[in-house]
Amino acid sequence: MSTTTSKKQPKKQAKADTLGKETYLRWYKDMLLMRRFEEKCGMLYTMQKFGGFCHLYIGQEAILAGMVTAIRPTDRV
């Protein structure tokens, strides 16, 4: 039985700095604003300032910050 050997090609590394410092800073500021809003909503809900159901997404801010950057005006969200 014959065997063949092949060399694996090295994978190309993704560049993490392609977006620029301004983009990362904008994301950080947006995530901080989202977190503060969620915290305020939670506080007001526990004080019974509004009724209904209040599901907080604390810890998920990065998902929204990235999505807002990626969507186009014609996308439905």
PDB file of N, CA and C in Angstrom:
ATOM      1  N   MET A   1       0.850  -1.159   0.000  1.00  0.00           N
ATOM      2  CA  MET A   1       0.000   0.000   0.000  1.00  0.00           C
ATOM      3  C   MET A   1       0.903   1.231   0.000  1.00  0.00           C
ATOM      4  N   SER A   2       0.575   2.173  -0.862  1.00  0.00           N
ATOM      5  CA  SER A   2       1.399   3.378  -0.927  1.00  0.00           C
ATOM      6  C   SER A   2       0.780   4.481  -0.073  1.00  0.00           C
ATOM      7  N   THR A   3       1.635   5.309   0.424  1.00  0.00           N
ATOM      8  CA  THR A   3       1.163   6.439   1.219  1.00  0.00           C
ATOM      9  C   THR A   3       1.695   7.720   0.609  1.00  0.00           C
ATOM     10  N   THR A   4       0.919   8.737   0.730  1.00  0.00           N
ATOM     11  CA  THR A   4       1.352  10.041   0.230  1.00  0.00           C
ATOM     12  C   THR A   4       1.365  11.013   1.394  1.00  0.00           C
ATOM     13  N   THR A   5       2.269  11.902   1.314  1.00  0.00           N
ATOM     14  CA  THR A   5       2.326  12.944   2.336  1.00  0.00           C
ATOM     15  C   THR A   5       2.146  14.282   1.658  1.00  0.00           C
ATOM     16  N   SER A   6       1.471  15.125   2.312  1.00  0.00           N
ATOM     17  CA  SER A   6       1.285  16.468   1.772  1.00  0.00           C
ATOM     18  C   SER A   6       1.579  17.468   2.874  1.00  0.00           C
ATOM     19  N   LYS A   7       2.147  18.553   2.458  1.00  0.00           N
ATOM     20  CA  LYS A   7       2.440  19.607   3.421  1.00  0.00           C
ATOM     21  C   LYS A   7       1.224  20.509   3.535  1.00  0.00           C
ATOM     22  N   LYS A   8       0.885  20.809   4.754  1.00  0.00           N
ATOM     23  CA  LYS A   8      -0.239  21.714   4.969  1.00  0.00           C
ATOM     24  C   LYS A   8       0.214  23.137   4.692  1.00  0.00           C
ATOM     25  N   GLN A   9      -0.648  23.842   3.992  1.00  0.00           N
ATOM     26  CA  GLN A   9      -0.366  25.245   3.717  1.00  0.00           C
ATOM     27  C   GLN A   9      -0.679  26.056   4.967  1.00  0.00           C
ATOM     28  N   PRO A  10       0.203  26.973   5.332  1.00  0.00           N
ATOM     29  CA  PRO A  10      -0.108  27.806   6.504  1.00  0.00           C
ATOM     30  C   PRO A  10      -1.316  28.689   6.232  1.00  0.00           C
ATOM     31  N   LYS A  11      -2.162  28.808   7.234  1.00  0.00           N
ATOM     32  CA  LYS A  11      -3.351  29.640   7.084  1.00  0.00           C
ATOM     33  C   LYS A  11      -2.966  31.105   7.172  1.00  0.00           C
ATOM     34  N   LYS A  12      -3.656  31.903   6.379  1.00  0.00           N
ATOM     35  CA  LYS A  12      -3.412  33.334   6.416  1.00  0.00           C
ATOM     36  C   LYS A  12      -4.027  33.910   7.685  1.00  0.00           C
ATOM     37  N   GLN A  13      -3.295  34.760   8.324  1.00  0.00           N
ATOM     38  CA  GLN A  13      -3.777  35.404   9.541  1.00  0.00           C
ATOM     39  C   GLN A  13      -4.658  36.594   9.184  1.00  0.00           C
ATOM     40  N   ALA A  14      -5.768  36.715   9.870  1.00  0.00           N
ATOM     41  CA  ALA A  14      -6.653  37.862   9.666  1.00  0.00           C
ATOM     42  C   ALA A  14      -6.030  39.085  10.323  1.00  0.00           C
ATOM     43  N   LYS A  15      -6.180  40.204   9.677  1.00  0.00           N
ATOM     44  CA  LYS A  15      -5.653  41.440  10.240  1.00  0.00           C
ATOM     45  C   LYS A  15      -6.703  42.043  11.164  1.00  0.00           C
ATOM     46  N   ALA A  16      -6.323  42.236  12.402  1.00  0.00           N
ATOM     47  CA  ALA A  16      -7.265  42.770  13.383  1.00  0.00           C
ATOM     48  C   ALA A  16      -7.353  44.284  13.343  1.00  0.00           C
ATOM     49  N   ASP A  17      -6.365  44.930  12.787  1.00  0.00           N
ATOM     50  CA  ASP A  17      -6.328  46.389  12.824  1.00  0.00           C
ATOM     51  C   ASP A  17      -6.817  47.033  11.534  1.00  0.00           C
ATOM     52  N   THR A  18      -7.626  46.357  10.770  1.00  0.00           N
ATOM     53  CA  THR A  18      -8.078  46.914   9.499  1.00  0.00           C
ATOM     54  C   THR A  18      -9.179  47.943   9.664  1.00  0.00           C
ATOM     55  N   LEU A  19      -9.820  47.993  10.808  1.00  0.00           N
ATOM     56  CA  LEU A  19     -10.945  48.904  10.991  1.00  0.00           C
ATOM     57  C   LEU A  19     -10.528  50.275  11.502  1.00  0.00           C
ATOM     58  N   GLY A  20      -9.444  50.355  12.181  1.00  0.00           N
ATOM     59  CA  GLY A  20      -8.985  51.644  12.673  1.00  0.00           C
ATOM     60  C   GLY A  20      -9.429  51.927  14.093  1.00  0.00           C
ATOM     61  N   LYS A  21      -8.661  52.762  14.740  1.00  0.00           N
ATOM     62  CA  LYS A  21      -8.902  53.107  16.138  1.00  0.00           C
ATOM     63  C   LYS A  21     -10.257  53.778  16.332  1.00  0.00           C
ATOM     64  N   GLU A  22     -10.671  54.608  15.379  1.00  0.00           N
ATOM     65  CA  GLU A  22     -11.937  55.333  15.500  1.00  0.00           C
ATOM     66  C   GLU A  22     -13.123  54.384  15.586  1.00  0.00           C
ATOM     67  N   THR A  23     -13.085  53.305  14.794  1.00  0.00           N
ATOM     68  CA  THR A  23     -14.182  52.329  14.805  1.00  0.00           C
ATOM     69  C   THR A  23     -14.280  51.644  16.161  1.00  0.00           C
ATOM     70  N   TYR A  24     -13.144  51.219  16.686  1.00  0.00           N
ATOM     71  CA  TYR A  24     -13.149  50.545  17.984  1.00  0.00           C
ATOM     72  C   TYR A  24     -13.610  51.488  19.098  1.00  0.00           C
ATOM     73  N   LEU A  25     -13.192  52.735  19.026  1.00  0.00           N
ATOM     74  CA  LEU A  25     -13.616  53.716  20.020  1.00  0.00           C
ATOM     75  C   LEU A  25     -15.114  53.982  19.925  1.00  0.00           C
ATOM     76  N   ARG A  26     -15.655  54.052  18.704  1.00  0.00           N
ATOM     77  CA  ARG A  26     -17.096  54.247  18.498  1.00  0.00           C
ATOM     78  C   ARG A  26     -17.864  53.065  19.081  1.00  0.00           C
ATOM     79  N   TRP A  27     -17.374  51.843  18.820  1.00  0.00           N
ATOM     80  CA  TRP A  27     -18.025  50.654  19.373  1.00  0.00           C
ATOM     81  C   TRP A  27     -18.042  50.700  20.893  1.00  0.00           C
ATOM     82  N   TYR A  28     -16.918  51.076  21.478  1.00  0.00           N
ATOM     83  CA  TYR A  28     -16.829  51.139  22.938  1.00  0.00           C
ATOM     84  C   TYR A  28     -17.836  52.138  23.496  1.00  0.00           C
ATOM     85  N   LYS A  29     -17.896  53.315  22.905  1.00  0.00           N
ATOM     86  CA  LYS A  29     -18.830  54.340  23.375  1.00  0.00           C
ATOM     87  C   LYS A  29     -20.277  53.882  23.206  1.00  0.00           C
ATOM     88  N   ASP A  30     -20.573  53.262  22.074  1.00  0.00           N
ATOM     89  CA  ASP A  30     -21.928  52.751  21.847  1.00  0.00           C
ATOM     90  C   ASP A  30     -22.293  51.675  22.869  1.00  0.00           C
ATOM     91  N   MET A  31     -21.356  50.750  23.124  1.00  0.00           N
ATOM     92  CA  MET A  31     -21.631  49.682  24.084  1.00  0.00           C
ATOM     93  C   MET A  31     -21.829  50.233  25.488  1.00  0.00           C
ATOM     94  N   LEU A  32     -21.063  51.247  25.840  1.00  0.00           N
ATOM     95  CA  LEU A  32     -21.221  51.864  27.152  1.00  0.00           C
ATOM     96  C   LEU A  32     -22.585  52.542  27.284  1.00  0.00           C
ATOM     97  N   LEU A  33     -23.010  53.241  26.230  1.00  0.00           N
ATOM     98  CA  LEU A  33     -24.330  53.871  26.235  1.00  0.00           C
ATOM     99  C   LEU A  33     -25.434  52.818  26.358  1.00  0.00           C
ATOM    100  N   MET A  34     -25.306  51.723  25.611  1.00  0.00           N
ATOM    101  CA  MET A  34     -26.300  50.652  25.682  1.00  0.00           C
ATOM    102  C   MET A  34     -26.373  50.057  27.084  1.00  0.00           C
ATOM    103  N   ARG A  35     -25.209  49.835  27.688  1.00  0.00           N
ATOM    104  CA  ARG A  35     -25.181  49.255  29.039  1.00  0.00           C
ATOM    105  C   ARG A  35     -25.854  50.179  30.041  1.00  0.00           C
ATOM    106  N   ARG A  36     -25.557  51.455  29.975  1.00  0.00           N
ATOM    107  CA  ARG A  36     -26.158  52.420  30.906  1.00  0.00           C
ATOM    108  C   ARG A  36     -27.676  52.490  30.721  1.00  0.00           C
ATOM    109  N   PHE A  37     -28.121  52.426  29.468  1.00  0.00           N
ATOM    110  CA  PHE A  37     -29.556  52.430  29.182  1.00  0.00           C
ATOM    111  C   PHE A  37     -30.228  51.200  29.786  1.00  0.00           C
ATOM    112  N   GLU A  38     -29.614  50.037  29.590  1.00  0.00           N
ATOM    113  CA  GLU A  38     -30.170  48.797  30.137  1.00  0.00           C
ATOM    114  C   GLU A  38     -30.231  48.855  31.661  1.00  0.00           C
ATOM    115  N   GLU A  39     -29.182  49.357  32.278  1.00  0.00           N
ATOM    116  CA  GLU A  39     -29.171  49.463  33.734  1.00  0.00           C
ATOM    117  C   GLU A  39     -30.279  50.389  34.228  1.00  0.00           C
ATOM    118  N   LYS A  40     -30.469  51.493  33.541  1.00  0.00           N
ATOM    119  CA  LYS A  40     -31.522  52.441  33.921  1.00  0.00           C
ATOM    120  C   LYS A  40     -32.902  51.804  33.742  1.00  0.00           C
ATOM    121  N   CYS A  41     -33.099  51.088  32.637  1.00  0.00           N
ATOM    122  CA  CYS A  41     -34.378  50.392  32.425  1.00  0.00           C
ATOM    123  C   CYS A  41     -34.648  49.394  33.541  1.00  0.00           C
ATOM    124  N   GLY A  42     -33.632  48.626  33.919  1.00  0.00           N
ATOM    125  CA  GLY A  42     -33.793  47.663  35.000  1.00  0.00           C
ATOM    126  C   GLY A  42     -34.152  48.325  36.312  1.00  0.00           C
ATOM    127  N   MET A  43     -33.510  49.448  36.586  1.00  0.00           N
ATOM    128  CA  MET A  43     -33.798  50.180  37.814  1.00  0.00           C
ATOM    129  C   MET A  43     -35.232  50.705  37.815  1.00  0.00           C
ATOM    130  N   LEU A  44     -35.652  51.320  36.707  1.00  0.00           N
ATOM    131  CA  LEU A  44     -37.008  51.865  36.624  1.00  0.00           C
ATOM    132  C   LEU A  44     -38.062  50.764  36.689  1.00  0.00           C
ATOM    133  N   TYR A  45     -37.750  49.610  36.099  1.00  0.00           N
ATOM    134  CA  TYR A  45     -38.690  48.492  36.132  1.00  0.00           C
ATOM    135  C   TYR A  45     -38.882  47.987  37.560  1.00  0.00           C
ATOM    136  N   THR A  46     -37.780  47.862  38.299  1.00  0.00           N
ATOM    137  CA  THR A  46     -37.902  47.388  39.682  1.00  0.00           C
ATOM    138  C   THR A  46     -38.597  48.411  40.572  1.00  0.00           C
ATOM    139  N   MET A  47     -38.555  49.679  40.180  1.00  0.00           N
ATOM    140  CA  MET A  47     -39.270  50.723  40.919  1.00  0.00           C
ATOM    141  C   MET A  47     -40.725  50.816  40.469  1.00  0.00           C
ATOM    142  N   GLN A  48     -41.114  49.930  39.536  1.00  0.00           N
ATOM    143  CA  GLN A  48     -42.470  49.866  38.982  1.00  0.00           C
ATOM    144  C   GLN A  48     -42.876  51.171  38.299  1.00  0.00           C
ATOM    145  N   LYS A  49     -41.921  51.767  37.591  1.00  0.00           N
ATOM    146  CA  LYS A  49     -42.207  52.999  36.850  1.00  0.00           C
ATOM    147  C   LYS A  49     -42.871  52.696  35.508  1.00  0.00           C
ATOM    148  N   PHE A  50     -42.755  51.465  35.048  1.00  0.00           N
ATOM    149  CA  PHE A  50     -43.491  51.028  33.859  1.00  0.00           C
ATOM    150  C   PHE A  50     -43.832  49.558  34.028  1.00  0.00           C
ATOM    151  N   GLY A  51     -44.897  49.157  33.372  1.00  0.00           N
ATOM    152  CA  GLY A  51     -45.393  47.802  33.533  1.00  0.00           C
ATOM    153  C   GLY A  51     -45.002  46.904  32.380  1.00  0.00           C
ATOM    154  N   GLY A  52     -45.499  45.710  32.441  1.00  0.00           N
ATOM    155  CA  GLY A  52     -45.228  44.751  31.385  1.00  0.00           C
ATOM    156  C   GLY A  52     -44.015  43.896  31.711  1.00  0.00           C
ATOM    157  N   PHE A  53     -43.349  43.455  30.667  1.00  0.00           N
ATOM    158  CA  PHE A  53     -42.198  42.576  30.809  1.00  0.00           C
ATOM    159  C   PHE A  53     -40.942  43.331  30.413  1.00  0.00           C
ATOM    160  N   CYS A  54     -39.882  43.153  31.154  1.00  0.00           N
ATOM    161  CA  CYS A  54     -38.616  43.837  30.863  1.00  0.00           C
ATOM    162  C   CYS A  54     -37.496  42.805  30.831  1.00  0.00           C
ATOM    163  N   HIS A  55     -37.050  42.454  29.634  1.00  0.00           N
ATOM    164  CA  HIS A  55     -35.936  41.518  29.481  1.00  0.00           C
ATOM    165  C   HIS A  55     -34.696  42.319  29.132  1.00  0.00           C
ATOM    166  N   LEU A  56     -33.707  42.286  29.999  1.00  0.00           N
ATOM    167  CA  LEU A  56     -32.485  43.052  29.782  1.00  0.00           C
ATOM    168  C   LEU A  56     -31.464  42.210  29.018  1.00  0.00           C
ATOM    169  N   TYR A  57     -30.702  42.852  28.177  1.00  0.00           N
ATOM    170  CA  TYR A  57     -29.675  42.188  27.382  1.00  0.00           C
ATOM    171  C   TYR A  57     -28.284  42.606  27.838  1.00  0.00           C
ATOM    172  N   ILE A  58     -28.127  42.831  29.134  1.00  0.00           N
ATOM    173  CA  ILE A  58     -26.820  43.221  29.665  1.00  0.00           C
ATOM    174  C   ILE A  58     -25.820  42.103  29.369  1.00  0.00           C
ATOM    175  N   GLY A  59     -24.691  42.486  28.779  1.00  0.00           N
ATOM    176  CA  GLY A  59     -23.665  41.527  28.378  1.00  0.00           C
ATOM    177  C   GLY A  59     -23.691  41.216  26.894  1.00  0.00           C
ATOM    178  N   GLN A  60     -24.672  41.709  26.178  1.00  0.00           N
ATOM    179  CA  GLN A  60     -24.814  41.434  24.750  1.00  0.00           C
ATOM    180  C   GLN A  60     -24.584  42.682  23.893  1.00  0.00           C
ATOM    181  N   GLU A  61     -23.984  43.707  24.466  1.00  0.00           N
ATOM    182  CA  GLU A  61     -23.836  44.986  23.770  1.00  0.00           C
ATOM    183  C   GLU A  61     -22.986  44.882  22.504  1.00  0.00           C
ATOM    184  N   ALA A  62     -21.977  44.030  22.516  1.00  0.00           N
ATOM    185  CA  ALA A  62     -21.075  43.922  21.364  1.00  0.00           C
ATOM    186  C   ALA A  62     -21.808  43.429  20.122  1.00  0.00           C
ATOM    187  N   ILE A  63     -22.805  42.599  20.310  1.00  0.00           N
ATOM    188  CA  ILE A  63     -23.572  42.088  19.170  1.00  0.00           C
ATOM    189  C   ILE A  63     -24.261  43.234  18.444  1.00  0.00           C
ATOM    190  N   LEU A  64     -24.925  44.083  19.185  1.00  0.00           N
ATOM    191  CA  LEU A  64     -25.631  45.208  18.577  1.00  0.00           C
ATOM    192  C   LEU A  64     -24.664  46.226  17.986  1.00  0.00           C
ATOM    193  N   ALA A  65     -23.570  46.500  18.675  1.00  0.00           N
ATOM    194  CA  ALA A  65     -22.598  47.475  18.165  1.00  0.00           C
ATOM    195  C   ALA A  65     -22.027  47.018  16.823  1.00  0.00           C
ATOM    196  N   GLY A  66     -21.702  45.746  16.709  1.00  0.00           N
ATOM    197  CA  GLY A  66     -21.191  45.216  15.445  1.00  0.00           C
ATOM    198  C   GLY A  66     -22.251  45.178  14.367  1.00  0.00           C
ATOM    199  N   MET A  67     -23.474  44.817  14.737  1.00  0.00           N
ATOM    200  CA  MET A  67     -24.557  44.747  13.760  1.00  0.00           C
ATOM    201  C   MET A  67     -24.868  46.113  13.171  1.00  0.00           C
ATOM    202  N   VAL A  68     -24.910  47.128  14.024  1.00  0.00           N
ATOM    203  CA  VAL A  68     -25.220  48.475  13.552  1.00  0.00           C
ATOM    204  C   VAL A  68     -24.173  48.942  12.539  1.00  0.00           C
ATOM    205  N   THR A  69     -22.928  48.531  12.730  1.00  0.00           N
ATOM    206  CA  THR A  69     -21.867  48.894  11.792  1.00  0.00           C
ATOM    207  C   THR A  69     -22.034  48.173  10.455  1.00  0.00           C
ATOM    208  N   ALA A  70     -22.535  46.946  10.498  1.00  0.00           N
ATOM    209  CA  ALA A  70     -22.589  46.118   9.300  1.00  0.00           C
ATOM    210  C   ALA A  70     -23.846  46.303   8.453  1.00  0.00           C
ATOM    211  N   ILE A  71     -24.945  46.737   9.052  1.00  0.00           N
ATOM    212  CA  ILE A  71     -26.191  46.808   8.281  1.00  0.00           C
ATOM    213  C   ILE A  71     -26.213  48.012   7.347  1.00  0.00           C
ATOM    214  N   ARG A  72     -27.060  47.894   6.348  1.00  0.00           N
ATOM    215  CA  ARG A  72     -27.261  48.989   5.387  1.00  0.00           C
ATOM    216  C   ARG A  72     -28.621  49.620   5.650  1.00  0.00           C
ATOM    217  N   PRO A  73     -28.837  50.822   5.144  1.00  0.00           N
ATOM    218  CA  PRO A  73     -30.134  51.480   5.356  1.00  0.00           C
ATOM    219  C   PRO A  73     -31.320  50.680   4.818  1.00  0.00           C
ATOM    220  N   THR A  74     -31.085  49.830   3.825  1.00  0.00           N
ATOM    221  CA  THR A  74     -32.181  49.056   3.240  1.00  0.00           C
ATOM    222  C   THR A  74     -32.469  47.759   3.993  1.00  0.00           C
ATOM    223  N   ASP A  75     -31.625  47.382   4.942  1.00  0.00           N
ATOM    224  CA  ASP A  75     -31.831  46.158   5.718  1.00  0.00           C
ATOM    225  C   ASP A  75     -32.967  46.347   6.711  1.00  0.00           C
ATOM    226  N   ARG A  76     -33.760  45.290   6.873  1.00  0.00           N
ATOM    227  CA  ARG A  76     -34.838  45.315   7.863  1.00  0.00           C
ATOM    228  C   ARG A  76     -34.358  44.608   9.117  1.00  0.00           C
ATOM    229  N   VAL A  77     -34.533  45.273  10.225  1.00  0.00           N
ATOM    230  CA  VAL A  77     -34.095  44.692  11.499  1.00  0.00           C
ATOM    231  C   VAL A  77     -35.279  44.587  12.426  1.00  0.00           C
TER     232      VAL A  77
END
